[in-house]
Amino acid sequence: MSTPLISVVDDDASVRAATENLLKSRGYIVRIFASAEELLRSPQLNETSCVITDVQMSAMSGLELLAEMRTRGYDAPFIFITAFSNDRVRASALGAGAIGFLAKPFGGQALIEYIDTALKACGGRVGI
């Protein structure tokens, strides 16, 4: 099995950089995106094994990104992160099929555990 590609989508550059550094230190291939639209236009979309995305972003939210990817036939697992955690948002994310939900700032180990769960759930497959 090839090394999983993790796509990180967040409009906060410092969160993208910190998450990218953590995941690369664990041996993952990581692509970072400043918006949901940027990921949807990416040539790496078909190679994505897991998506880590902020819930609230300016144009398209993380929940809208999940819905759009499912509409397009992509079944990569999603892990949501947010600075504005509440029970309603958490329930919406998990109800939409998210593997995990983390409030910022989150611990690196918690994120790694969600990624491990996500990759096991999808059998390590990528893309569609």
Protein backbone atom coordinates (compact mmCIF):
# COMPACT_ATOMS: atom_id res chain seq x y z
CA MET A 1 0.00 0.00 0.00
CA SER A 2 1.30 3.45 -0.87
CA THR A 3 1.73 6.24 1.67
CA PRO A 4 -1.61 7.95 2.31
CA LEU A 5 -2.07 11.51 1.09
CA ILE A 6 -3.76 13.73 3.66
CA SER A 7 -5.39 16.95 2.45
CA VAL A 8 -5.53 19.75 5.02
CA VAL A 9 -8.02 22.55 4.33
CA ASP A 10 -7.99 25.59 6.60
CA ASP A 11 -8.12 29.33 5.97
CA ASP A 12 -5.65 29.90 8.82
CA ALA A 13 -2.08 29.64 7.51
CA SER A 14 -0.63 28.86 10.95
CA VAL A 15 -3.01 25.92 11.44
CA ARG A 16 -2.16 24.60 7.95
CA ALA A 17 1.57 24.84 8.64
CA ALA A 18 1.40 23.24 12.10
CA THR A 19 -0.82 20.40 10.89
CA GLU A 20 1.37 19.83 7.84
CA ASN A 21 4.51 19.66 10.00
CA LEU A 22 2.91 17.20 12.43
CA LEU A 23 1.66 14.89 9.69
CA LYS A 24 4.90 14.99 7.69
CA SER A 25 6.81 14.09 10.86
CA ARG A 26 4.60 10.98 11.02
CA GLY A 27 5.47 10.01 7.44
CA TYR A 28 2.30 11.13 5.66
CA ILE A 29 2.24 12.89 2.33
CA VAL A 30 0.43 16.17 2.99
CA ARG A 31 -1.13 18.77 0.71
CA ILE A 32 -2.43 21.99 2.20
CA PHE A 33 -5.24 24.16 0.86
CA ALA A 34 -6.43 27.61 1.95
CA SER A 35 -10.02 26.94 0.88
CA ALA A 36 -12.45 24.17 0.04
CA GLU A 37 -12.59 25.42 -3.53
CA GLU A 38 -8.82 25.09 -3.83
CA LEU A 39 -9.02 21.42 -2.83
CA LEU A 40 -11.90 20.77 -5.25
CA ARG A 41 -9.78 22.20 -8.12
CA SER A 42 -6.68 20.27 -7.09
CA PRO A 43 -5.18 17.54 -9.26
CA GLN A 44 -4.50 15.66 -5.99
CA LEU A 45 -8.21 15.35 -5.20
CA ASN A 46 -8.35 11.84 -6.66
CA GLU A 47 -5.35 10.80 -4.55
CA THR A 48 -6.68 12.05 -1.21
CA SER A 49 -6.92 9.36 1.47
CA CYS A 50 -8.30 11.63 4.20
CA VAL A 51 -9.45 15.26 4.50
CA ILE A 52 -8.81 17.38 7.57
CA THR A 53 -10.82 20.57 7.30
CA ASP A 54 -11.90 23.56 9.30
CA VAL A 55 -15.64 23.76 9.82
CA GLN A 56 -15.94 27.51 9.29
CA MET A 57 -14.28 29.05 6.27
CA SER A 58 -15.21 32.13 4.28
CA ALA A 59 -16.74 30.89 1.02
CA MET A 60 -17.46 27.17 1.45
CA SER A 61 -17.64 25.57 4.89
CA GLY A 62 -16.10 22.24 5.77
CA LEU A 63 -19.58 20.70 5.95
CA GLU A 64 -20.37 22.02 2.47
CA LEU A 65 -17.05 20.59 1.24
CA LEU A 66 -17.98 17.17 2.61
CA ALA A 67 -21.40 17.33 0.93
CA GLU A 68 -19.86 18.44 -2.38
CA MET A 69 -17.27 15.67 -2.35
CA ARG A 70 -19.94 13.06 -1.62
CA THR A 71 -22.06 14.47 -4.48
CA ARG A 72 -19.04 14.07 -6.78
CA GLY A 73 -18.58 10.47 -5.63
CA TYR A 74 -15.55 10.90 -3.36
CA ASP A 75 -15.72 8.90 -0.15
CA ALA A 76 -12.49 9.97 1.57
CA PRO A 77 -12.98 10.17 5.34
CA PHE A 78 -13.25 13.61 6.94
CA ILE A 79 -11.91 14.97 10.21
CA PHE A 80 -13.25 18.37 11.23
CA ILE A 81 -11.42 20.97 13.28
CA THR A 82 -12.90 24.19 14.58
CA ALA A 83 -12.21 27.14 16.81
CA PHE A 84 -15.98 27.52 17.40
CA SER A 85 -16.93 24.19 18.89
CA ASN A 86 -20.46 23.61 20.09
CA ASP A 87 -22.69 20.58 20.37
CA ARG A 88 -24.82 21.51 17.34
CA VAL A 89 -21.83 21.87 15.02
CA ARG A 90 -20.28 18.68 16.38
CA ALA A 91 -23.53 16.77 15.87
CA SER A 92 -23.85 18.14 12.32
CA ALA A 93 -20.31 17.10 11.43
CA LEU A 94 -20.60 13.62 12.90
CA GLY A 95 -24.09 13.21 11.45
CA ALA A 96 -22.73 14.06 8.01
CA GLY A 97 -20.29 11.18 8.35
CA ALA A 98 -17.15 12.71 9.84
CA ILE A 99 -14.71 10.30 11.46
CA GLY A 100 -13.64 12.89 14.01
CA PHE A 101 -14.21 16.37 15.38
CA LEU A 102 -11.56 18.39 17.23
CA ALA A 103 -11.71 21.83 18.86
CA LYS A 104 -8.76 24.15 18.26
CA PRO A 105 -6.24 24.06 19.75
CA PHE A 106 -6.15 20.29 19.52
CA GLY A 107 -3.52 17.79 20.58
CA GLY A 108 -1.41 16.18 17.92
CA GLN A 109 -1.97 12.70 19.33
CA ALA A 110 -5.76 13.08 19.12
CA LEU A 111 -5.47 14.03 15.45
CA ILE A 112 -3.16 11.10 14.70
CA GLU A 113 -5.61 8.72 16.38
CA TYR A 114 -8.47 10.04 14.21
CA ILE A 115 -6.32 9.67 11.08
CA ASP A 116 -5.46 6.09 12.01
CA THR A 117 -9.17 5.37 12.51
CA ALA A 118 -10.06 7.08 9.23
CA LEU A 119 -7.48 5.18 7.21
CA LYS A 120 -8.50 1.85 8.74
CA ALA A 121 -12.17 2.63 8.02
CA CYS A 122 -11.47 3.18 4.34
CA GLY A 123 -9.00 0.32 4.09
CA GLY A 124 -6.26 2.73 3.03
CA ARG A 125 -7.89 3.31 -0.36
CA VAL A 126 -7.67 6.69 -1.99
CA GLY A 127 -9.96 8.91 -4.01
CA ILE A 128 -13.31 7.77 -5.30
